[in-house]
Each structure stands twice: as C-alpha cells, then as structure tokens.
Amino acid sequence: MKRSGLITTKIGMTRLYDDAGVAHPVTVLSVGDCTVIGNRTMEKNGYVANILGLREAKAKHVAKPQAVAAEKAGIKPFRKVAEFRVSDDCVIPAGTAMSASHFVVGQFIDVQATSKGKGFQGAMKRHNFGGKEASHGVLKAHRSIGGTGMREWPGRVLKGKKMAGQMGNETVTVQNLKVFGMDEAENLIFVEGAVPGANGTFVLVTDAVKKEQKDLPVPTKLNNAGADTTTETVAE
C-alpha cells in the first residue's frame, strides 16, 4: 500500500508539551486548501498517481502551461502543484479537499522542501573544512581550501571537488520525523523536529518509507459537510 502525500506550507516553529510536561520542539505545517486536482492512470500515463494543488491563484500569476491545463480541466490554477505516486487502492477522486487528518498522530513521515539559501560561502562553512594552522608560517590563508591541482595527471581539477560556492537553496529531504499532534479545526500538522526551508516554504509530506506504518486511513480521511466519512482503515 502506498498512500498519497500532502502539499503543506511551513508556518514556523514552536514548542508543545506532552502529558508528562516535557517540552518538544515542533514545526507547524499548514495544509490549507490542498486539493486533489487530477489523477494519473496506468492506461493513459503508465503509472498511478494523485495530482494535488495548494493555494489557489489567478491565471495571470501562474505559468501559461499551468493556466491552460487548469482551464481545460475546469478547475482553478494553483500556486503549487505536485504528483504523488500511489497504489491502485489509494487513488483519491479529483476535487477532494485534503485535511491534516490524512496523517495520524504518532506516525512517522518524510518531508521535502527547498532549504534556505545562504549565498556564496567558503569551504569551511560549506563543507566543514578544518582550515589551516593559525601559526607556523601561515599568512592570511587560514580559511583557504589549499591546493586543488593534480600535478601532471590528470592535470586539471576533478569534477565534484569541494570548493567555495553557492550554499543552500537546494531540495532537502528529512526522513522519519514524528507527527506530534494536529489541529483539525485550523488544518495544521505539528511535526516534531526541524523541517528544511524558510517560513512560507512549500513542504511535501509523505508517509515514511523506512518505517512500518499501521492503522492509516486508506486512501484518506474525508470530512464532507461536517460528517466524518472516513474510508476503511487498513494496517500494513
């Protein structure tokens, strides 16, 4: 069984207390208006997936291909669109509004987001180099990376050499974070620990692939007109 994930927005960090009074650092993720806007099928696309969108936007504020695709599908365009490959029993009908209760308190999840950009940084900060000695003849080169040449062979700097350059602003995945709690009224998920990215970053949340998950709602937990229409809960 492979369930769909969610697109969320990082709100920030705070602390919550458990029943024993122990403080836990948590990251607050907002599910917002995350909606299933389409599906991929084996017959048409060669794989099965749910297409989700978050944060409705005007057509003039999204790329033209996205605006045209949304118009053909008869839906509003979204700022963020993502696909989640699922098994056949986890296909969610288009138009379904997702909620924080798609996940269960205590389960483990994987999160993926774009990390904070830190600009052009030296090798000591970027790659944790130790630097040169503070004495013994070292002059104004304490934080330099040292030699990069390869003598006669291969006579060039090899690809992948750790050097100064752009740091951060890359896709980062953090695995096996725990769902500490949730606020279903506000559609918020409280994740124990840190999540990459600045506040306001889009975060993709999925079931942890390296943990055995039990008693999860399949394909999701639906709330229509205030009535709980939870689908069958299946233990892996």
C-alpha atoms as a PDB file:
ATOM      1  CA  MET A   1       0.000   0.000   0.000  1.00  0.00           C
ATOM      2  CA  LYS A   2       1.322   3.417  -0.955  1.00  0.00           C
ATOM      3  CA  ARG A   3      -0.747   6.411   0.075  1.00  0.00           C
ATOM      4  CA  SER A   4      -0.761   9.918  -1.286  1.00  0.00           C
ATOM      5  CA  GLY A   5       1.194  12.710   0.337  1.00  0.00           C
ATOM      6  CA  LEU A   6       0.196  16.307   1.038  1.00  0.00           C
ATOM      7  CA  ILE A   7       1.428  19.726  -0.020  1.00  0.00           C
ATOM      8  CA  THR A   8       1.775  21.980   3.011  1.00  0.00           C
ATOM      9  CA  THR A   9       3.181  25.377   3.926  1.00  0.00           C
ATOM     10  CA  LYS A  10       5.748  25.842   6.680  1.00  0.00           C
ATOM     11  CA  ILE A  11       4.419  28.291   9.264  1.00  0.00           C
ATOM     12  CA  GLY A  12       7.293  28.224  11.738  1.00  0.00           C
ATOM     13  CA  MET A  13       8.497  26.515  14.915  1.00  0.00           C
ATOM     14  CA  THR A  14       7.171  26.462  18.468  1.00  0.00           C
ATOM     15  CA  ARG A  15       7.117  24.115  21.449  1.00  0.00           C
ATOM     16  CA  LEU A  16       4.404  21.813  22.713  1.00  0.00           C
ATOM     17  CA  TYR A  17       4.208  19.832  25.947  1.00  0.00           C
ATOM     18  CA  ASP A  18       3.308  16.185  26.325  1.00  0.00           C
ATOM     19  CA  ASP A  19       1.288  14.663  29.180  1.00  0.00           C
ATOM     20  CA  ALA A  20       4.424  14.390  31.306  1.00  0.00           C
ATOM     21  CA  GLY A  21       5.148  18.109  30.938  1.00  0.00           C
ATOM     22  CA  VAL A  22       8.168  17.608  28.695  1.00  0.00           C
ATOM     23  CA  ALA A  23       8.654  20.306  26.045  1.00  0.00           C
ATOM     24  CA  HIS A  24       9.043  19.208  22.427  1.00  0.00           C
ATOM     25  CA  PRO A  25      10.236  21.476  19.577  1.00  0.00           C
ATOM     26  CA  VAL A  26       7.749  21.200  16.720  1.00  0.00           C
ATOM     27  CA  THR A  27       7.382  22.637  13.237  1.00  0.00           C
ATOM     28  CA  VAL A  28       3.905  23.833  12.274  1.00  0.00           C
ATOM     29  CA  LEU A  29       2.747  22.879   8.775  1.00  0.00           C
ATOM     30  CA  SER A  30      -0.473  24.250   7.278  1.00  0.00           C
ATOM     31  CA  VAL A  31      -2.441  22.017   4.891  1.00  0.00           C
ATOM     32  CA  GLY A  32      -4.620  24.955   3.842  1.00  0.00           C
ATOM     33  CA  ASP A  33      -6.677  24.433   0.696  1.00  0.00           C
ATOM     34  CA  CYS A  34      -4.692  21.396  -0.518  1.00  0.00           C
ATOM     35  CA  THR A  35      -6.958  19.722  -3.081  1.00  0.00           C
ATOM     36  CA  VAL A  36      -6.778  16.763  -5.440  1.00  0.00           C
ATOM     37  CA  ILE A  37      -6.967  18.295  -8.909  1.00  0.00           C
ATOM     38  CA  GLY A  38      -6.412  15.218 -11.054  1.00  0.00           C
ATOM     39  CA  ASN A  39      -5.131  11.665 -11.378  1.00  0.00           C
ATOM     40  CA  ARG A  40      -2.684   9.675 -13.470  1.00  0.00           C
ATOM     41  CA  THR A  41      -3.834   6.255 -14.660  1.00  0.00           C
ATOM     42  CA  MET A  42      -1.986   3.160 -15.790  1.00  0.00           C
ATOM     43  CA  GLU A  43      -3.933   3.015 -19.051  1.00  0.00           C
ATOM     44  CA  LYS A  44      -3.219   6.601 -20.082  1.00  0.00           C
ATOM     45  CA  ASN A  45       0.038   7.500 -18.334  1.00  0.00           C
ATOM     46  CA  GLY A  46       1.693   4.200 -17.479  1.00  0.00           C
ATOM     47  CA  TYR A  47       1.627   4.840 -13.721  1.00  0.00           C
ATOM     48  CA  VAL A  48      -0.877   5.698 -10.982  1.00  0.00           C
ATOM     49  CA  ALA A  49      -0.667   8.990  -9.106  1.00  0.00           C
ATOM     50  CA  ASN A  50      -2.687  11.719  -7.450  1.00  0.00           C
ATOM     51  CA  ILE A  51      -2.120  15.321  -8.552  1.00  0.00           C
ATOM     52  CA  LEU A  52      -2.505  17.834  -5.738  1.00  0.00           C
ATOM     53  CA  GLY A  53      -2.587  21.608  -5.740  1.00  0.00           C
ATOM     54  CA  LEU A  54      -2.170  24.173  -2.977  1.00  0.00           C
ATOM     55  CA  ARG A  55      -3.099  27.836  -2.753  1.00  0.00           C
ATOM     56  CA  GLU A  56      -5.487  28.949  -5.468  1.00  0.00           C
ATOM     57  CA  ALA A  57      -4.131  31.689  -7.710  1.00  0.00           C
ATOM     58  CA  LYS A  58      -5.234  33.851 -10.577  1.00  0.00           C
ATOM     59  CA  ALA A  59      -4.370  32.646 -14.060  1.00  0.00           C
ATOM     60  CA  LYS A  60      -2.112  35.667 -14.617  1.00  0.00           C
ATOM     61  CA  HIS A  61       0.001  34.696 -11.610  1.00  0.00           C
ATOM     62  CA  VAL A  62       0.957  31.191 -12.803  1.00  0.00           C
ATOM     63  CA  ALA A  63       2.882  29.904 -15.799  1.00  0.00           C
ATOM     64  CA  LYS A  64       0.869  29.764 -19.012  1.00  0.00           C
ATOM     65  CA  PRO A  65       1.045  25.949 -19.381  1.00  0.00           C
ATOM     66  CA  GLN A  66      -0.398  25.554 -15.891  1.00  0.00           C
ATOM     67  CA  ALA A  67      -3.134  28.091 -16.580  1.00  0.00           C
ATOM     68  CA  VAL A  68      -4.106  26.351 -19.843  1.00  0.00           C
ATOM     69  CA  ALA A  69      -4.112  22.919 -18.193  1.00  0.00           C
ATOM     70  CA  ALA A  70      -6.299  24.184 -15.361  1.00  0.00           C
ATOM     71  CA  GLU A  71      -8.722  25.759 -17.825  1.00  0.00           C
ATOM     72  CA  LYS A  72      -9.031  22.507 -19.797  1.00  0.00           C
ATOM     73  CA  ALA A  73      -9.647  20.568 -16.580  1.00  0.00           C
ATOM     74  CA  GLY A  74     -12.268  23.073 -15.481  1.00  0.00           C
ATOM     75  CA  ILE A  75     -10.507  23.976 -12.240  1.00  0.00           C
ATOM     76  CA  LYS A  76      -8.754  26.996 -10.825  1.00  0.00           C
ATOM     77  CA  PRO A  77      -4.959  27.186 -11.137  1.00  0.00           C
ATOM     78  CA  PHE A  78      -2.846  26.623  -8.051  1.00  0.00           C
ATOM     79  CA  ARG A  79       0.455  28.162  -6.971  1.00  0.00           C
ATOM     80  CA  LYS A  80       1.982  24.780  -6.151  1.00  0.00           C
ATOM     81  CA  VAL A  81       1.221  21.502  -7.942  1.00  0.00           C
ATOM     82  CA  ALA A  82       2.786  18.120  -7.157  1.00  0.00           C
ATOM     83  CA  GLU A  83       2.261  14.463  -8.036  1.00  0.00           C
ATOM     84  CA  PHE A  84       2.313  11.603  -5.552  1.00  0.00           C
ATOM     85  CA  ARG A  85       2.586   8.085  -6.941  1.00  0.00           C
ATOM     86  CA  VAL A  86       0.165   5.740  -5.195  1.00  0.00           C
ATOM     87  CA  SER A  87      -1.088   2.177  -5.331  1.00  0.00           C
ATOM     88  CA  ASP A  88      -4.374   1.345  -7.029  1.00  0.00           C
ATOM     89  CA  ASP A  89      -6.314   1.318  -3.744  1.00  0.00           C
ATOM     90  CA  CYS A  90      -5.111   4.816  -2.779  1.00  0.00           C
ATOM     91  CA  VAL A  91      -6.458   6.815  -5.721  1.00  0.00           C
ATOM     92  CA  ILE A  92      -8.404   9.850  -4.457  1.00  0.00           C
ATOM     93  CA  PRO A  93     -11.132  11.381  -6.688  1.00  0.00           C
ATOM     94  CA  ALA A  94     -10.421  14.792  -8.185  1.00  0.00           C
ATOM     95  CA  GLY A  95     -11.997  17.636  -6.255  1.00  0.00           C
ATOM     96  CA  THR A  96     -11.372  16.056  -2.840  1.00  0.00           C
ATOM     97  CA  ALA A  97     -10.223  18.564  -0.218  1.00  0.00           C
ATOM     98  CA  MET A  98      -7.377  17.117   1.833  1.00  0.00           C
ATOM     99  CA  SER A  99      -7.035  17.656   5.567  1.00  0.00           C
ATOM    100  CA  ALA A 100      -4.446  17.301   8.317  1.00  0.00           C
ATOM    101  CA  SER A 101      -6.202  14.136   9.499  1.00  0.00           C
ATOM    102  CA  HIS A 102      -4.797  12.370   6.427  1.00  0.00           C
ATOM    103  CA  PHE A 103      -1.950  11.553   8.829  1.00  0.00           C
ATOM    104  CA  VAL A 104      -2.192  10.007  12.291  1.00  0.00           C
ATOM    105  CA  VAL A 105      -0.669  11.328  15.500  1.00  0.00           C
ATOM    106  CA  GLY A 106       2.392   9.253  16.346  1.00  0.00           C
ATOM    107  CA  GLN A 107       3.167   8.085  12.822  1.00  0.00           C
ATOM    108  CA  PHE A 108       6.437   8.793  11.033  1.00  0.00           C
ATOM    109  CA  ILE A 109       6.651  10.943   7.916  1.00  0.00           C
ATOM    110  CA  ASP A 110       9.199  12.158   5.348  1.00  0.00           C
ATOM    111  CA  VAL A 111       9.316  15.841   4.430  1.00  0.00           C
ATOM    112  CA  GLN A 112      10.849  17.521   1.389  1.00  0.00           C
ATOM    113  CA  ALA A 113      11.422  21.230   0.839  1.00  0.00           C
ATOM    114  CA  THR A 114      13.874  23.782  -0.541  1.00  0.00           C
ATOM    115  CA  SER A 115      16.454  24.722   2.087  1.00  0.00           C
ATOM    116  CA  LYS A 116      17.338  28.287   2.999  1.00  0.00           C
ATOM    117  CA  GLY A 117      19.773  29.913   0.582  1.00  0.00           C
ATOM    118  CA  LYS A 118      22.978  31.111   2.284  1.00  0.00           C
ATOM    119  CA  GLY A 119      24.678  32.706  -0.682  1.00  0.00           C
ATOM    120  CA  PHE A 120      28.328  32.260  -1.693  1.00  0.00           C
ATOM    121  CA  GLN A 121      30.205  30.612   1.178  1.00  0.00           C
ATOM    122  CA  GLY A 122      33.739  29.393   1.763  1.00  0.00           C
ATOM    123  CA  ALA A 123      34.721  25.744   2.070  1.00  0.00           C
ATOM    124  CA  MET A 124      34.959  25.833   5.871  1.00  0.00           C
ATOM    125  CA  LYS A 125      31.289  26.729   6.256  1.00  0.00           C
ATOM    126  CA  ARG A 126      30.034  24.942   3.154  1.00  0.00           C
ATOM    127  CA  HIS A 127      31.921  21.637   3.545  1.00  0.00           C
ATOM    128  CA  ASN A 128      33.132  21.765   7.172  1.00  0.00           C
ATOM    129  CA  PHE A 129      36.810  22.046   6.263  1.00  0.00           C
ATOM    130  CA  GLY A 130      39.177  22.441   9.213  1.00  0.00           C
ATOM    131  CA  GLY A 131      41.190  25.314   7.767  1.00  0.00           C
ATOM    132  CA  LYS A 132      44.932  25.894   8.036  1.00  0.00           C
ATOM    133  CA  GLU A 133      47.042  26.433  11.147  1.00  0.00           C
ATOM    134  CA  ALA A 134      46.909  29.724  12.986  1.00  0.00           C
ATOM    135  CA  SER A 135      50.735  29.956  13.102  1.00  0.00           C
ATOM    136  CA  HIS A 136      53.855  28.207  11.762  1.00  0.00           C
ATOM    137  CA  GLY A 137      54.223  30.473   8.766  1.00  0.00           C
ATOM    138  CA  VAL A 138      50.610  30.569   7.581  1.00  0.00           C
ATOM    139  CA  LEU A 139      49.946  34.114   6.416  1.00  0.00           C
ATOM    140  CA  LYS A 140      46.452  35.366   5.559  1.00  0.00           C
ATOM    141  CA  ALA A 141      45.318  31.921   4.352  1.00  0.00           C
ATOM    142  CA  HIS A 142      43.788  30.459   7.496  1.00  0.00           C
ATOM    143  CA  ARG A 143      40.407  29.757   5.870  1.00  0.00           C
ATOM    144  CA  SER A 144      41.605  28.863   2.373  1.00  0.00           C
ATOM    145  CA  ILE A 145      40.982  25.425   0.856  1.00  0.00           C
ATOM    146  CA  GLY A 146      44.600  24.640   0.000  1.00  0.00           C
ATOM    147  CA  GLY A 147      45.826  23.204  -3.292  1.00  0.00           C
ATOM    148  CA  THR A 148      43.435  21.857  -5.880  1.00  0.00           C
ATOM    149  CA  GLY A 149      45.881  20.882  -8.643  1.00  0.00           C
ATOM    150  CA  MET A 150      46.522  17.287  -9.688  1.00  0.00           C
ATOM    151  CA  ARG A 151      50.148  17.663 -10.856  1.00  0.00           C
ATOM    152  CA  GLU A 152      50.948  16.074 -14.237  1.00  0.00           C
ATOM    153  CA  TRP A 153      47.989  13.687 -14.203  1.00  0.00           C
ATOM    154  CA  PRO A 154      45.159  14.381 -14.736  1.00  0.00           C
ATOM    155  CA  GLY A 155      46.392  17.958 -14.857  1.00  0.00           C
ATOM    156  CA  ARG A 156      43.049  19.509 -14.027  1.00  0.00           C
ATOM    157  CA  VAL A 157      40.633  19.973 -11.138  1.00  0.00           C
ATOM    158  CA  LEU A 158      38.377  16.937 -10.928  1.00  0.00           C
ATOM    159  CA  LYS A 159      34.619  17.361 -11.066  1.00  0.00           C
ATOM    160  CA  GLY A 160      32.992  17.378  -7.659  1.00  0.00           C
ATOM    161  CA  LYS A 161      35.978  18.925  -5.880  1.00  0.00           C
ATOM    162  CA  LYS A 162      34.751  20.559  -2.692  1.00  0.00           C
ATOM    163  CA  MET A 163      35.300  24.276  -3.092  1.00  0.00           C
ATOM    164  CA  ALA A 164      33.662  27.569  -2.198  1.00  0.00           C
ATOM    165  CA  GLY A 165      30.346  28.313  -3.879  1.00  0.00           C
ATOM    166  CA  GLN A 166      26.584  28.613  -3.548  1.00  0.00           C
ATOM    167  CA  MET A 167      25.323  27.091  -0.300  1.00  0.00           C
ATOM    168  CA  GLY A 168      21.745  26.058   0.423  1.00  0.00           C
ATOM    169  CA  ASN A 169      18.769  26.728  -1.841  1.00  0.00           C
ATOM    170  CA  GLU A 170      18.525  23.047  -2.766  1.00  0.00           C
ATOM    171  CA  THR A 171      15.978  20.287  -2.364  1.00  0.00           C
ATOM    172  CA  VAL A 172      16.398  18.586   1.008  1.00  0.00           C
ATOM    173  CA  THR A 173      14.551  15.508   2.292  1.00  0.00           C
ATOM    174  CA  VAL A 174      14.361  14.701   6.002  1.00  0.00           C
ATOM    175  CA  GLN A 175      13.147  11.221   6.882  1.00  0.00           C
ATOM    176  CA  ASN A 176      11.444   9.661   9.894  1.00  0.00           C
ATOM    177  CA  LEU A 177      10.031  12.749  11.587  1.00  0.00           C
ATOM    178  CA  LYS A 178       7.184  12.102  14.019  1.00  0.00           C
ATOM    179  CA  VAL A 179       3.721  13.649  13.899  1.00  0.00           C
ATOM    180  CA  PHE A 180       3.435  15.094  17.405  1.00  0.00           C
ATOM    181  CA  GLY A 181      -0.113  16.375  17.015  1.00  0.00           C
ATOM    182  CA  MET A 182      -2.533  18.261  14.807  1.00  0.00           C
ATOM    183  CA  ASP A 183      -5.233  20.910  14.850  1.00  0.00           C
ATOM    184  CA  GLU A 184      -8.034  19.675  12.602  1.00  0.00           C
ATOM    185  CA  ALA A 185     -10.032  22.903  13.012  1.00  0.00           C
ATOM    186  CA  GLU A 186      -7.167  25.010  11.632  1.00  0.00           C
ATOM    187  CA  ASN A 187      -5.852  22.209   9.367  1.00  0.00           C
ATOM    188  CA  LEU A 188      -2.404  22.230  10.973  1.00  0.00           C
ATOM    189  CA  ILE A 189       0.136  19.444  11.466  1.00  0.00           C
ATOM    190  CA  PHE A 190       2.710  19.615  14.278  1.00  0.00           C
ATOM    191  CA  VAL A 191       5.890  17.770  13.310  1.00  0.00           C
ATOM    192  CA  GLU A 192       8.457  17.000  15.982  1.00  0.00           C
ATOM    193  CA  GLY A 193      11.823  18.436  14.995  1.00  0.00           C
ATOM    194  CA  ALA A 194      13.033  20.801  12.279  1.00  0.00           C
ATOM    195  CA  VAL A 195      11.818  20.930   8.684  1.00  0.00           C
ATOM    196  CA  PRO A 196      14.051  22.427   5.955  1.00  0.00           C
ATOM    197  CA  GLY A 197      13.191  25.757   4.395  1.00  0.00           C
ATOM    198  CA  ALA A 198      12.217  29.251   5.468  1.00  0.00           C
ATOM    199  CA  ASN A 199       8.800  30.143   6.825  1.00  0.00           C
ATOM    200  CA  GLY A 200       6.299  30.135   3.968  1.00  0.00           C
ATOM    201  CA  THR A 201       8.124  27.383   2.045  1.00  0.00           C
ATOM    202  CA  PHE A 202       6.068  24.663   0.354  1.00  0.00           C
ATOM    203  CA  VAL A 203       6.720  21.301   2.042  1.00  0.00           C
ATOM    204  CA  LEU A 204       5.817  17.892   0.588  1.00  0.00           C
ATOM    205  CA  VAL A 205       4.799  15.423   3.311  1.00  0.00           C
ATOM    206  CA  THR A 206       4.536  11.647   2.764  1.00  0.00           C
ATOM    207  CA  ASP A 207       4.398   8.504   4.866  1.00  0.00           C
ATOM    208  CA  ALA A 208       7.880   7.430   5.973  1.00  0.00           C
ATOM    209  CA  VAL A 209       9.251   4.821   3.582  1.00  0.00           C
ATOM    210  CA  LYS A 210      11.647   3.303   6.126  1.00  0.00           C
ATOM    211  CA  LYS A 211       9.105   2.805   8.908  1.00  0.00           C
ATOM    212  CA  GLU A 212       6.284   0.306   9.199  1.00  0.00           C
ATOM    213  CA  GLN A 213       3.019   2.244   9.371  1.00  0.00           C
ATOM    214  CA  LYS A 214      -0.179   0.852  10.874  1.00  0.00           C
ATOM    215  CA  ASP A 215      -3.803   1.961  11.160  1.00  0.00           C
ATOM    216  CA  LEU A 216      -3.630   4.657   8.492  1.00  0.00           C
ATOM    217  CA  PRO A 217      -6.814   5.834   6.718  1.00  0.00           C
ATOM    218  CA  VAL A 218      -6.950   4.486   3.164  1.00  0.00           C
ATOM    219  CA  PRO A 219      -6.966   6.294   0.822  1.00  0.00           C
ATOM    220  CA  THR A 220      -7.532   9.254   3.175  1.00  0.00           C
ATOM    221  CA  LYS A 221      -9.868  10.625   5.827  1.00  0.00           C
ATOM    222  CA  LEU A 222     -12.697  12.573   4.260  1.00  0.00           C
ATOM    223  CA  ASN A 223     -14.806  15.202   6.002  1.00  0.00           C
ATOM    224  CA  ASN A 224     -17.798  16.283   3.959  1.00  0.00           C
ATOM    225  CA  ALA A 225     -20.379  18.743   5.267  1.00  0.00           C
ATOM    226  CA  GLY A 226     -19.084  18.211   8.790  1.00  0.00           C
ATOM    227  CA  ALA A 227     -19.762  14.459   8.668  1.00  0.00           C
ATOM    228  CA  ASP A 228     -16.920  12.018   9.161  1.00  0.00           C
ATOM    229  CA  THR A 229     -16.795   9.711   6.157  1.00  0.00           C
ATOM    230  CA  THR A 230     -13.504   8.042   6.965  1.00  0.00           C
ATOM    231  CA  THR A 231     -12.570   5.363   4.494  1.00  0.00           C
ATOM    232  CA  GLU A 232     -11.538   1.901   5.644  1.00  0.00           C
ATOM    233  CA  THR A 233      -8.508   1.814   7.895  1.00  0.00           C
ATOM    234  CA  VAL A 234      -6.001  -0.787   6.842  1.00  0.00           C
ATOM    235  CA  ALA A 235      -2.905  -1.913   8.723  1.00  0.00           C
ATOM    236  CA  GLU A 236       0.104  -2.703   6.573  1.00  0.00           C
END
